[in-house]
Amino acid sequence: AEMHMVHYKGSYGTLGGAVKRRDGLAVLGVMLEVSNNDNPALAPLATALLNITDAELYADVSAMYPLKAFLPRNIEKFYRYEGSLTTP
């Protein structure tokens, strides 16, 4: 599975305002491994997903945990680029 976390610069007010600016967004894409063990970092996201019942809906999730909780132990290998979004 794959998850994209879209972050926008608060000074632009909204995601819609930030997407129009070159420095408005940062997107972190993370590959997830299916496991029988729960990842507590995913609990707030799992709860928010219950409210998304249509492809046009989205949920703002205020995270109270470090993004590092989603990263692998070895963060030396990753891909980074400036430019277009990770999805259309």
PDB file of N, CA and C in Angstrom:
ATOM      1  N   ALA A   1       0.849  -1.181   0.000  1.00  0.00           N
ATOM      2  CA  ALA A   1       0.000   0.000   0.000  1.00  0.00           C
ATOM      3  C   ALA A   1       0.889   1.237   0.000  1.00  0.00           C
ATOM      4  N   GLU A   2       0.320   2.318  -0.416  1.00  0.00           N
ATOM      5  CA  GLU A   2       1.048   3.586  -0.480  1.00  0.00           C
ATOM      6  C   GLU A   2       0.191   4.684   0.132  1.00  0.00           C
ATOM      7  N   MET A   3       0.834   5.607   0.833  1.00  0.00           N
ATOM      8  CA  MET A   3       0.134   6.725   1.446  1.00  0.00           C
ATOM      9  C   MET A   3       0.871   8.008   1.093  1.00  0.00           C
ATOM     10  N   HIS A   4       0.116   9.031   0.715  1.00  0.00           N
ATOM     11  CA  HIS A   4       0.692  10.350   0.460  1.00  0.00           C
ATOM     12  C   HIS A   4       0.159  11.313   1.505  1.00  0.00           C
ATOM     13  N   MET A   5       1.065  12.001   2.174  1.00  0.00           N
ATOM     14  CA  MET A   5       0.690  13.026   3.148  1.00  0.00           C
ATOM     15  C   MET A   5       1.012  14.377   2.527  1.00  0.00           C
ATOM     16  N   VAL A   6      -0.023  15.173   2.316  1.00  0.00           N
ATOM     17  CA  VAL A   6       0.127  16.475   1.671  1.00  0.00           C
ATOM     18  C   VAL A   6       0.153  17.539   2.757  1.00  0.00           C
ATOM     19  N   HIS A   7       1.219  18.326   2.766  1.00  0.00           N
ATOM     20  CA  HIS A   7       1.385  19.408   3.739  1.00  0.00           C
ATOM     21  C   HIS A   7       1.390  20.720   2.972  1.00  0.00           C
ATOM     22  N   TYR A   8       0.692  21.719   3.499  1.00  0.00           N
ATOM     23  CA  TYR A   8       0.709  23.018   2.830  1.00  0.00           C
ATOM     24  C   TYR A   8       1.144  24.111   3.786  1.00  0.00           C
ATOM     25  N   LYS A   9       1.755  25.129   3.190  1.00  0.00           N
ATOM     26  CA  LYS A   9       2.260  26.263   3.965  1.00  0.00           C
ATOM     27  C   LYS A   9       1.067  27.045   4.512  1.00  0.00           C
ATOM     28  N   GLY A  10       0.982  27.112   5.823  1.00  0.00           N
ATOM     29  CA  GLY A  10      -0.147  27.746   6.491  1.00  0.00           C
ATOM     30  C   GLY A  10      -0.356  29.200   6.121  1.00  0.00           C
ATOM     31  N   SER A  11       0.712  29.898   5.765  1.00  0.00           N
ATOM     32  CA  SER A  11       0.569  31.319   5.434  1.00  0.00           C
ATOM     33  C   SER A  11      -0.233  31.533   4.152  1.00  0.00           C
ATOM     34  N   TYR A  12      -0.441  30.476   3.352  1.00  0.00           N
ATOM     35  CA  TYR A  12      -1.264  30.587   2.145  1.00  0.00           C
ATOM     36  C   TYR A  12      -2.731  30.304   2.438  1.00  0.00           C
ATOM     37  N   GLY A  13      -3.056  30.032   3.680  1.00  0.00           N
ATOM     38  CA  GLY A  13      -4.443  29.925   4.107  1.00  0.00           C
ATOM     39  C   GLY A  13      -5.093  28.566   3.921  1.00  0.00           C
ATOM     40  N   THR A  14      -5.095  28.062   2.708  1.00  0.00           N
ATOM     41  CA  THR A  14      -5.761  26.797   2.416  1.00  0.00           C
ATOM     42  C   THR A  14      -4.903  25.962   1.473  1.00  0.00           C
ATOM     43  N   LEU A  15      -5.273  24.717   1.344  1.00  0.00           N
ATOM     44  CA  LEU A  15      -4.601  23.846   0.384  1.00  0.00           C
ATOM     45  C   LEU A  15      -4.765  24.404  -1.024  1.00  0.00           C
ATOM     46  N   GLY A  16      -5.967  24.893  -1.338  1.00  0.00           N
ATOM     47  CA  GLY A  16      -6.219  25.481  -2.654  1.00  0.00           C
ATOM     48  C   GLY A  16      -5.342  26.687  -2.933  1.00  0.00           C
ATOM     49  N   GLY A  17      -5.102  27.504  -1.919  1.00  0.00           N
ATOM     50  CA  GLY A  17      -4.229  28.662  -2.087  1.00  0.00           C
ATOM     51  C   GLY A  17      -2.774  28.261  -2.216  1.00  0.00           C
ATOM     52  N   ALA A  18      -2.378  27.251  -1.468  1.00  0.00           N
ATOM     53  CA  ALA A  18      -0.979  26.820  -1.475  1.00  0.00           C
ATOM     54  C   ALA A  18      -0.597  26.100  -2.758  1.00  0.00           C
ATOM     55  N   VAL A  19      -1.540  25.366  -3.351  1.00  0.00           N
ATOM     56  CA  VAL A  19      -1.219  24.580  -4.544  1.00  0.00           C
ATOM     57  C   VAL A  19      -0.846  25.474  -5.729  1.00  0.00           C
ATOM     58  N   LYS A  20      -1.248  26.726  -5.678  1.00  0.00           N
ATOM     59  CA  LYS A  20      -0.939  27.666  -6.762  1.00  0.00           C
ATOM     60  C   LYS A  20       0.448  28.281  -6.624  1.00  0.00           C
ATOM     61  N   ARG A  21       1.113  28.027  -5.508  1.00  0.00           N
ATOM     62  CA  ARG A  21       2.409  28.643  -5.232  1.00  0.00           C
ATOM     63  C   ARG A  21       3.520  27.615  -5.342  1.00  0.00           C
ATOM     64  N   ARG A  22       4.654  28.057  -5.832  1.00  0.00           N
ATOM     65  CA  ARG A  22       5.798  27.164  -6.038  1.00  0.00           C
ATOM     66  C   ARG A  22       6.273  26.521  -4.734  1.00  0.00           C
ATOM     67  N   ASP A  23       6.218  27.264  -3.644  1.00  0.00           N
ATOM     68  CA  ASP A  23       6.684  26.748  -2.354  1.00  0.00           C
ATOM     69  C   ASP A  23       5.531  26.408  -1.418  1.00  0.00           C
ATOM     70  N   GLY A  24       4.353  26.171  -1.976  1.00  0.00           N
ATOM     71  CA  GLY A  24       3.170  25.981  -1.151  1.00  0.00           C
ATOM     72  C   GLY A  24       2.966  24.593  -0.578  1.00  0.00           C
ATOM     73  N   LEU A  25       3.478  23.556  -1.257  1.00  0.00           N
ATOM     74  CA  LEU A  25       3.203  22.189  -0.830  1.00  0.00           C
ATOM     75  C   LEU A  25       4.470  21.375  -0.609  1.00  0.00           C
ATOM     76  N   ALA A  26       4.352  20.428   0.273  1.00  0.00           N
ATOM     77  CA  ALA A  26       5.356  19.370   0.420  1.00  0.00           C
ATOM     78  C   ALA A  26       4.569  18.072   0.570  1.00  0.00           C
ATOM     79  N   VAL A  27       4.908  17.078  -0.230  1.00  0.00           N
ATOM     80  CA  VAL A  27       4.192  15.805  -0.197  1.00  0.00           C
ATOM     81  C   VAL A  27       5.171  14.703   0.187  1.00  0.00           C
ATOM     82  N   LEU A  28       4.781  13.922   1.160  1.00  0.00           N
ATOM     83  CA  LEU A  28       5.586  12.789   1.597  1.00  0.00           C
ATOM     84  C   LEU A  28       4.847  11.521   1.204  1.00  0.00           C
ATOM     85  N   GLY A  29       5.447  10.725   0.329  1.00  0.00           N
ATOM     86  CA  GLY A  29       4.870   9.445  -0.071  1.00  0.00           C
ATOM     87  C   GLY A  29       5.557   8.329   0.692  1.00  0.00           C
ATOM     88  N   VAL A  30       4.768   7.439   1.259  1.00  0.00           N
ATOM     89  CA  VAL A  30       5.303   6.365   2.088  1.00  0.00           C
ATOM     90  C   VAL A  30       4.709   5.037   1.626  1.00  0.00           C
ATOM     91  N   MET A  31       5.564   4.050   1.458  1.00  0.00           N
ATOM     92  CA  MET A  31       5.102   2.694   1.158  1.00  0.00           C
ATOM     93  C   MET A  31       4.806   1.999   2.484  1.00  0.00           C
ATOM     94  N   LEU A  32       3.666   1.352   2.569  1.00  0.00           N
ATOM     95  CA  LEU A  32       3.262   0.657   3.790  1.00  0.00           C
ATOM     96  C   LEU A  32       3.294  -0.848   3.557  1.00  0.00           C
ATOM     97  N   GLU A  33       3.703  -1.563   4.565  1.00  0.00           N
ATOM     98  CA  GLU A  33       3.734  -3.021   4.496  1.00  0.00           C
ATOM     99  C   GLU A  33       2.570  -3.579   5.302  1.00  0.00           C
ATOM    100  N   VAL A  34       1.790  -4.435   4.684  1.00  0.00           N
ATOM    101  CA  VAL A  34       0.673  -5.061   5.380  1.00  0.00           C
ATOM    102  C   VAL A  34       1.236  -6.026   6.422  1.00  0.00           C
ATOM    103  N   SER A  35       0.681  -5.937   7.629  1.00  0.00           N
ATOM    104  CA  SER A  35       1.196  -6.735   8.737  1.00  0.00           C
ATOM    105  C   SER A  35       0.058  -7.101   9.679  1.00  0.00           C
ATOM    106  N   ASN A  36       0.254  -8.119  10.471  1.00  0.00           N
ATOM    107  CA  ASN A  36      -0.716  -8.473  11.508  1.00  0.00           C
ATOM    108  C   ASN A  36      -0.577  -7.583  12.735  1.00  0.00           C
ATOM    109  N   ASN A  37       0.498  -6.792  12.808  1.00  0.00           N
ATOM    110  CA  ASN A  37       0.748  -5.905  13.944  1.00  0.00           C
ATOM    111  C   ASN A  37       0.264  -4.502  13.622  1.00  0.00           C
ATOM    112  N   ASP A  38      -0.478  -3.910  14.537  1.00  0.00           N
ATOM    113  CA  ASP A  38      -0.955  -2.541  14.359  1.00  0.00           C
ATOM    114  C   ASP A  38       0.181  -1.551  14.543  1.00  0.00           C
ATOM    115  N   ASN A  39       0.135  -0.466  13.776  1.00  0.00           N
ATOM    116  CA  ASN A  39       1.072   0.646  13.930  1.00  0.00           C
ATOM    117  C   ASN A  39       0.298   1.775  14.605  1.00  0.00           C
ATOM    118  N   PRO A  40       0.597   2.102  15.861  1.00  0.00           N
ATOM    119  CA  PRO A  40      -0.159   3.130  16.576  1.00  0.00           C
ATOM    120  C   PRO A  40      -0.147   4.487  15.873  1.00  0.00           C
ATOM    121  N   ALA A  41       0.877   4.756  15.071  1.00  0.00           N
ATOM    122  CA  ALA A  41       0.944   6.036  14.361  1.00  0.00           C
ATOM    123  C   ALA A  41      -0.177   6.167  13.341  1.00  0.00           C
ATOM    124  N   LEU A  42      -0.730   5.048  12.901  1.00  0.00           N
ATOM    125  CA  LEU A  42      -1.794   5.086  11.899  1.00  0.00           C
ATOM    126  C   LEU A  42      -3.189   5.258  12.498  1.00  0.00           C
ATOM    127  N   ALA A  43      -3.334   5.147  13.808  1.00  0.00           N
ATOM    128  CA  ALA A  43      -4.649   5.203  14.447  1.00  0.00           C
ATOM    129  C   ALA A  43      -5.435   6.474  14.116  1.00  0.00           C
ATOM    130  N   PRO A  44      -4.856   7.691  14.229  1.00  0.00           N
ATOM    131  CA  PRO A  44      -5.628   8.890  13.876  1.00  0.00           C
ATOM    132  C   PRO A  44      -6.048   8.896  12.406  1.00  0.00           C
ATOM    133  N   LEU A  45      -5.208   8.369  11.546  1.00  0.00           N
ATOM    134  CA  LEU A  45      -5.546   8.311  10.126  1.00  0.00           C
ATOM    135  C   LEU A  45      -6.658   7.306   9.877  1.00  0.00           C
ATOM    136  N   ALA A  46      -6.589   6.166  10.523  1.00  0.00           N
ATOM    137  CA  ALA A  46      -7.627   5.150  10.356  1.00  0.00           C
ATOM    138  C   ALA A  46      -8.979   5.694  10.799  1.00  0.00           C
ATOM    139  N   THR A  47      -9.008   6.435  11.883  1.00  0.00           N
ATOM    140  CA  THR A  47     -10.248   7.042  12.355  1.00  0.00           C
ATOM    141  C   THR A  47     -10.776   8.054  11.345  1.00  0.00           C
ATOM    142  N   ALA A  48      -9.893   8.884  10.798  1.00  0.00           N
ATOM    143  CA  ALA A  48     -10.302   9.887   9.809  1.00  0.00           C
ATOM    144  C   ALA A  48     -10.829   9.233   8.540  1.00  0.00           C
ATOM    145  N   LEU A  49     -10.248   8.116   8.151  1.00  0.00           N
ATOM    146  CA  LEU A  49     -10.679   7.436   6.929  1.00  0.00           C
ATOM    147  C   LEU A  49     -12.106   6.923   7.017  1.00  0.00           C
ATOM    148  N   LEU A  50     -12.594   6.680   8.217  1.00  0.00           N
ATOM    149  CA  LEU A  50     -13.979   6.236   8.379  1.00  0.00           C
ATOM    150  C   LEU A  50     -14.963   7.277   7.860  1.00  0.00           C
ATOM    151  N   ASN A  51     -14.552   8.554   7.831  1.00  0.00           N
ATOM    152  CA  ASN A  51     -15.418   9.637   7.363  1.00  0.00           C
ATOM    153  C   ASN A  51     -15.332   9.857   5.864  1.00  0.00           C
ATOM    154  N   ILE A  52     -14.428   9.172   5.188  1.00  0.00           N
ATOM    155  CA  ILE A  52     -14.278   9.339   3.743  1.00  0.00           C
ATOM    156  C   ILE A  52     -15.025   8.203   3.063  1.00  0.00           C
ATOM    157  N   THR A  53     -16.224   8.516   2.600  1.00  0.00           N
ATOM    158  CA  THR A  53     -17.076   7.496   1.995  1.00  0.00           C
ATOM    159  C   THR A  53     -17.236   7.691   0.496  1.00  0.00           C
ATOM    160  N   ASP A  54     -16.576   8.708  -0.053  1.00  0.00           N
ATOM    161  CA  ASP A  54     -16.683   9.015  -1.474  1.00  0.00           C
ATOM    162  C   ASP A  54     -15.328   9.513  -1.963  1.00  0.00           C
ATOM    163  N   ALA A  55     -15.030   9.266  -3.224  1.00  0.00           N
ATOM    164  CA  ALA A  55     -13.726   9.657  -3.782  1.00  0.00           C
ATOM    165  C   ALA A  55     -13.501  11.159  -3.754  1.00  0.00           C
ATOM    166  N   GLU A  56     -14.556  11.951  -3.705  1.00  0.00           N
ATOM    167  CA  GLU A  56     -14.425  13.410  -3.705  1.00  0.00           C
ATOM    168  C   GLU A  56     -14.200  13.981  -2.311  1.00  0.00           C
ATOM    169  N   LEU A  57     -14.313  13.179  -1.292  1.00  0.00           N
ATOM    170  CA  LEU A  57     -14.166  13.651   0.084  1.00  0.00           C
ATOM    171  C   LEU A  57     -12.714  13.578   0.533  1.00  0.00           C
ATOM    172  N   TYR A  58     -12.378  14.386   1.523  1.00  0.00           N
ATOM    173  CA  TYR A  58     -11.050  14.343   2.126  1.00  0.00           C
ATOM    174  C   TYR A  58     -11.193  14.653   3.604  1.00  0.00           C
ATOM    175  N   ALA A  59     -10.145  14.422   4.342  1.00  0.00           N
ATOM    176  CA  ALA A  59     -10.167  14.693   5.775  1.00  0.00           C
ATOM    177  C   ALA A  59      -8.875  15.378   6.173  1.00  0.00           C
ATOM    178  N   ASP A  60      -8.994  16.418   6.969  1.00  0.00           N
ATOM    179  CA  ASP A  60      -7.824  17.054   7.566  1.00  0.00           C
ATOM    180  C   ASP A  60      -7.537  16.318   8.869  1.00  0.00           C
ATOM    181  N   VAL A  61      -6.307  15.903   9.036  1.00  0.00           N
ATOM    182  CA  VAL A  61      -5.932  15.171  10.243  1.00  0.00           C
ATOM    183  C   VAL A  61      -4.845  15.957  10.953  1.00  0.00           C
ATOM    184  N   SER A  62      -5.143  16.381  12.156  1.00  0.00           N
ATOM    185  CA  SER A  62      -4.134  17.054  12.968  1.00  0.00           C
ATOM    186  C   SER A  62      -3.309  15.978  13.657  1.00  0.00           C
ATOM    187  N   ALA A  63      -2.091  15.834  13.223  1.00  0.00           N
ATOM    188  CA  ALA A  63      -1.228  14.778  13.756  1.00  0.00           C
ATOM    189  C   ALA A  63      -0.594  15.206  15.070  1.00  0.00           C
ATOM    190  N   MET A  64      -0.623  14.324  16.011  1.00  0.00           N
ATOM    191  CA  MET A  64      -0.001  14.574  17.302  1.00  0.00           C
ATOM    192  C   MET A  64       1.186  13.632  17.495  1.00  0.00           C
ATOM    193  N   TYR A  65       1.800  13.244  16.401  1.00  0.00           N
ATOM    194  CA  TYR A  65       2.912  12.315  16.436  1.00  0.00           C
ATOM    195  C   TYR A  65       3.928  12.764  15.400  1.00  0.00           C
ATOM    196  N   PRO A  66       5.164  12.372  15.525  1.00  0.00           N
ATOM    197  CA  PRO A  66       6.173  12.795  14.546  1.00  0.00           C
ATOM    198  C   PRO A  66       6.020  12.042  13.225  1.00  0.00           C
ATOM    199  N   LEU A  67       6.292  12.721  12.122  1.00  0.00           N
ATOM    200  CA  LEU A  67       6.253  12.068  10.816  1.00  0.00           C
ATOM    201  C   LEU A  67       7.245  10.918  10.743  1.00  0.00           C
ATOM    202  N   LYS A  68       8.262  10.972  11.569  1.00  0.00           N
ATOM    203  CA  LYS A  68       9.269   9.911  11.601  1.00  0.00           C
ATOM    204  C   LYS A  68       8.630   8.550  11.889  1.00  0.00           C
ATOM    205  N   ALA A  69       7.465   8.552  12.514  1.00  0.00           N
ATOM    206  CA  ALA A  69       6.773   7.301  12.820  1.00  0.00           C
ATOM    207  C   ALA A  69       6.396   6.538  11.557  1.00  0.00           C
ATOM    208  N   PHE A  70       6.344   7.225  10.420  1.00  0.00           N
ATOM    209  CA  PHE A  70       5.967   6.593   9.159  1.00  0.00           C
ATOM    210  C   PHE A  70       7.169   6.196   8.310  1.00  0.00           C
ATOM    211  N   LEU A  71       8.338   6.568   8.742  1.00  0.00           N
ATOM    212  CA  LEU A  71       9.530   6.329   7.935  1.00  0.00           C
ATOM    213  C   LEU A  71      10.229   5.042   8.350  1.00  0.00           C
ATOM    214  N   PRO A  72      10.967   4.442   7.425  1.00  0.00           N
ATOM    215  CA  PRO A  72      11.721   3.240   7.783  1.00  0.00           C
ATOM    216  C   PRO A  72      12.873   3.584   8.727  1.00  0.00           C
ATOM    217  N   ARG A  73      13.402   2.589   9.370  1.00  0.00           N
ATOM    218  CA  ARG A  73      14.520   2.822  10.295  1.00  0.00           C
ATOM    219  C   ARG A  73      15.719   3.431   9.572  1.00  0.00           C
ATOM    220  N   ASN A  74      16.003   2.943   8.371  1.00  0.00           N
ATOM    221  CA  ASN A  74      17.113   3.471   7.576  1.00  0.00           C
ATOM    222  C   ASN A  74      16.561   4.522   6.617  1.00  0.00           C
ATOM    223  N   ILE A  75      16.792   5.784   6.931  1.00  0.00           N
ATOM    224  CA  ILE A  75      16.275   6.855   6.074  1.00  0.00           C
ATOM    225  C   ILE A  75      17.348   7.414   5.141  1.00  0.00           C
ATOM    226  N   GLU A  76      18.415   6.657   4.970  1.00  0.00           N
ATOM    227  CA  GLU A  76      19.489   7.092   4.078  1.00  0.00           C
ATOM    228  C   GLU A  76      19.097   6.970   2.611  1.00  0.00           C
ATOM    229  N   LYS A  77      18.160   6.085   2.304  1.00  0.00           N
ATOM    230  CA  LYS A  77      17.759   5.859   0.919  1.00  0.00           C
ATOM    231  C   LYS A  77      16.345   6.386   0.707  1.00  0.00           C
ATOM    232  N   PHE A  78      16.226   7.398  -0.144  1.00  0.00           N
ATOM    233  CA  PHE A  78      14.914   7.946  -0.462  1.00  0.00           C
ATOM    234  C   PHE A  78      15.006   8.687  -1.782  1.00  0.00           C
ATOM    235  N   TYR A  79      13.850   8.978  -2.358  1.00  0.00           N
ATOM    236  CA  TYR A  79      13.783   9.752  -3.590  1.00  0.00           C
ATOM    237  C   TYR A  79      13.202  11.113  -3.261  1.00  0.00           C
ATOM    238  N   ARG A  80      13.773  12.138  -3.859  1.00  0.00           N
ATOM    239  CA  ARG A  80      13.312  13.502  -3.624  1.00  0.00           C
ATOM    240  C   ARG A  80      13.374  14.247  -4.941  1.00  0.00           C
ATOM    241  N   TYR A  81      12.365  15.054  -5.196  1.00  0.00           N
ATOM    242  CA  TYR A  81      12.399  15.882  -6.395  1.00  0.00           C
ATOM    243  C   TYR A  81      11.528  17.107  -6.208  1.00  0.00           C
ATOM    244  N   GLU A  82      11.850  18.149  -6.940  1.00  0.00           N
ATOM    245  CA  GLU A  82      11.022  19.345  -6.994  1.00  0.00           C
ATOM    246  C   GLU A  82      10.212  19.269  -8.266  1.00  0.00           C
ATOM    247  N   GLY A  83       9.006  19.742  -8.205  1.00  0.00           N
ATOM    248  CA  GLY A  83       8.221  19.749  -9.432  1.00  0.00           C
ATOM    249  C   GLY A  83       6.785  19.377  -9.186  1.00  0.00           C
ATOM    250  N   SER A  84       6.268  18.554 -10.066  1.00  0.00           N
ATOM    251  CA  SER A  84       4.849  18.230 -10.042  1.00  0.00           C
ATOM    252  C   SER A  84       4.494  17.384  -8.822  1.00  0.00           C
ATOM    253  N   LEU A  85       3.195  17.265  -8.595  1.00  0.00           N
ATOM    254  CA  LEU A  85       2.710  16.468  -7.478  1.00  0.00           C
ATOM    255  C   LEU A  85       2.917  14.985  -7.748  1.00  0.00           C
ATOM    256  N   THR A  86       2.755  14.184  -6.720  1.00  0.00           N
ATOM    257  CA  THR A  86       2.964  12.748  -6.854  1.00  0.00           C
ATOM    258  C   THR A  86       1.808  12.058  -7.567  1.00  0.00           C
ATOM    259  N   THR A  87       0.667  12.720  -7.658  1.00  0.00           N
ATOM    260  CA  THR A  87      -0.493  12.196  -8.383  1.00  0.00           C
ATOM    261  C   THR A  87      -1.099  13.332  -9.201  1.00  0.00           C
ATOM    262  N   PRO A  88      -1.876  12.994 -10.233  1.00  0.00           N
ATOM    263  CA  PRO A  88      -2.494  14.065 -11.058  1.00  0.00           C
ATOM    264  C   PRO A  88      -3.479  14.907 -10.281  1.00  0.00           C
TER     265      PRO A  88
END
